[in-house]
Amino acid sequence: MVCLPFQIGALTLTVKPSIGIALWPGDGESAERLIDHADAAMYCAKRQRSGHAFFDQGGGDGSRKAQASPSA
């Protein structure tokens, strides 16, 4: 697993990935738009320390936001 601690010499390191998810076609028709929206979702996951977040278009106003999923 990525999140398990590992040793390098005397150091114990833990990696905690943040993943942003944007789905085609609802979150964007072009690769650039999907990457932009996945990036916005990734920063949401980082802020909320949730590990992952899905991009959410919002209430139809075109606002950029992301929704972090509850941890299992």
C-alpha atoms as a PDB file:
ATOM      1  CA  MET A   1       0.000   0.000   0.000  1.00  0.00           C
ATOM      2  CA  VAL A   2       1.121   3.529  -0.703  1.00  0.00           C
ATOM      3  CA  CYS A   3       0.160   4.864   2.719  1.00  0.00           C
ATOM      4  CA  LEU A   4       2.115   2.332   4.779  1.00  0.00           C
ATOM      5  CA  PRO A   5       5.216   3.783   6.493  1.00  0.00           C
ATOM      6  CA  PHE A   6       8.611   2.712   5.183  1.00  0.00           C
ATOM      7  CA  GLN A   7      12.162   3.037   6.479  1.00  0.00           C
ATOM      8  CA  ILE A   8      15.089   4.786   4.821  1.00  0.00           C
ATOM      9  CA  GLY A   9      17.980   4.491   7.207  1.00  0.00           C
ATOM     10  CA  ALA A  10      16.859   6.013  10.513  1.00  0.00           C
ATOM     11  CA  LEU A  11      13.896   7.824   8.923  1.00  0.00           C
ATOM     12  CA  THR A  12      10.350   6.512   8.853  1.00  0.00           C
ATOM     13  CA  LEU A  13       8.438   8.011   5.925  1.00  0.00           C
ATOM     14  CA  THR A  14       4.738   7.941   5.088  1.00  0.00           C
ATOM     15  CA  VAL A  15       3.337   8.927   1.698  1.00  0.00           C
ATOM     16  CA  LYS A  16      -0.248  10.195   1.595  1.00  0.00           C
ATOM     17  CA  PRO A  17      -1.458  10.674  -1.992  1.00  0.00           C
ATOM     18  CA  SER A  18      -4.162  13.156  -2.986  1.00  0.00           C
ATOM     19  CA  ILE A  19      -6.170  12.178  -6.065  1.00  0.00           C
ATOM     20  CA  GLY A  20      -8.528  14.431  -8.012  1.00  0.00           C
ATOM     21  CA  ILE A  21     -11.183  12.749 -10.150  1.00  0.00           C
ATOM     22  CA  ALA A  22     -13.018  14.259 -13.138  1.00  0.00           C
ATOM     23  CA  LEU A  23     -15.274  12.111 -15.288  1.00  0.00           C
ATOM     24  CA  TRP A  24     -15.874  12.380 -19.037  1.00  0.00           C
ATOM     25  CA  PRO A  25     -18.142  13.719 -20.498  1.00  0.00           C
ATOM     26  CA  GLY A  26     -19.929  15.379 -17.559  1.00  0.00           C
ATOM     27  CA  ASP A  27     -16.886  17.202 -16.184  1.00  0.00           C
ATOM     28  CA  GLY A  28     -15.434  18.221 -19.552  1.00  0.00           C
ATOM     29  CA  GLU A  29     -15.347  17.248 -23.204  1.00  0.00           C
ATOM     30  CA  SER A  30     -11.659  18.055 -23.801  1.00  0.00           C
ATOM     31  CA  ALA A  31      -8.541  16.625 -22.203  1.00  0.00           C
ATOM     32  CA  GLU A  32      -7.514  20.096 -21.019  1.00  0.00           C
ATOM     33  CA  ARG A  33     -10.870  20.671 -19.304  1.00  0.00           C
ATOM     34  CA  LEU A  34     -10.799  17.248 -17.624  1.00  0.00           C
ATOM     35  CA  ILE A  35      -7.246  17.797 -16.365  1.00  0.00           C
ATOM     36  CA  ASP A  36      -8.174  21.267 -15.085  1.00  0.00           C
ATOM     37  CA  HIS A  37     -11.169  19.883 -13.199  1.00  0.00           C
ATOM     38  CA  ALA A  38      -9.223  16.890 -11.842  1.00  0.00           C
ATOM     39  CA  ASP A  39      -6.579  19.356 -10.631  1.00  0.00           C
ATOM     40  CA  ALA A  40      -9.249  21.401  -8.794  1.00  0.00           C
ATOM     41  CA  ALA A  41     -10.543  18.201  -7.176  1.00  0.00           C
ATOM     42  CA  MET A  42      -7.002  17.180  -6.171  1.00  0.00           C
ATOM     43  CA  TYR A  43      -6.510  20.465  -4.294  1.00  0.00           C
ATOM     44  CA  CYS A  44      -9.817  19.860  -2.509  1.00  0.00           C
ATOM     45  CA  ALA A  45      -8.578  16.396  -1.481  1.00  0.00           C
ATOM     46  CA  LYS A  46      -5.353  17.991  -0.188  1.00  0.00           C
ATOM     47  CA  ARG A  47      -7.231  20.649   1.826  1.00  0.00           C
ATOM     48  CA  GLN A  48      -9.606  18.125   3.331  1.00  0.00           C
ATOM     49  CA  ARG A  49      -6.919  15.445   3.768  1.00  0.00           C
ATOM     50  CA  SER A  50      -9.399  12.949   2.378  1.00  0.00           C
ATOM     51  CA  GLY A  51      -7.090  11.153  -0.069  1.00  0.00           C
ATOM     52  CA  HIS A  52      -9.397  11.706  -3.035  1.00  0.00           C
ATOM     53  CA  ALA A  53     -12.139  14.025  -4.282  1.00  0.00           C
ATOM     54  CA  PHE A  54     -14.499  14.121  -7.253  1.00  0.00           C
ATOM     55  CA  PHE A  55     -14.981  17.292  -9.281  1.00  0.00           C
ATOM     56  CA  ASP A  56     -18.518  18.704  -8.983  1.00  0.00           C
ATOM     57  CA  GLN A  57     -19.877  21.306 -11.409  1.00  0.00           C
ATOM     58  CA  GLY A  58     -22.027  22.772  -8.655  1.00  0.00           C
ATOM     59  CA  GLY A  59     -25.469  24.260  -9.025  1.00  0.00           C
ATOM     60  CA  GLY A  60     -25.241  24.918 -12.751  1.00  0.00           C
ATOM     61  CA  ASP A  61     -23.508  28.277 -12.293  1.00  0.00           C
ATOM     62  CA  GLY A  62     -20.218  26.985 -13.702  1.00  0.00           C
ATOM     63  CA  SER A  63     -18.483  27.357 -10.361  1.00  0.00           C
ATOM     64  CA  ARG A  64     -15.477  25.156  -9.695  1.00  0.00           C
ATOM     65  CA  LYS A  65     -15.665  23.016  -6.619  1.00  0.00           C
ATOM     66  CA  ALA A  66     -14.903  19.474  -5.634  1.00  0.00           C
ATOM     67  CA  GLN A  67     -16.536  17.007  -3.323  1.00  0.00           C
ATOM     68  CA  ALA A  68     -14.423  14.798  -1.108  1.00  0.00           C
ATOM     69  CA  SER A  69     -15.841  11.353  -0.511  1.00  0.00           C
ATOM     70  CA  PRO A  70     -16.120  10.139   3.074  1.00  0.00           C
ATOM     71  CA  SER A  71     -13.368   7.745   4.110  1.00  0.00           C
ATOM     72  CA  ALA A  72     -14.312   4.117   4.396  1.00  0.00           C
END
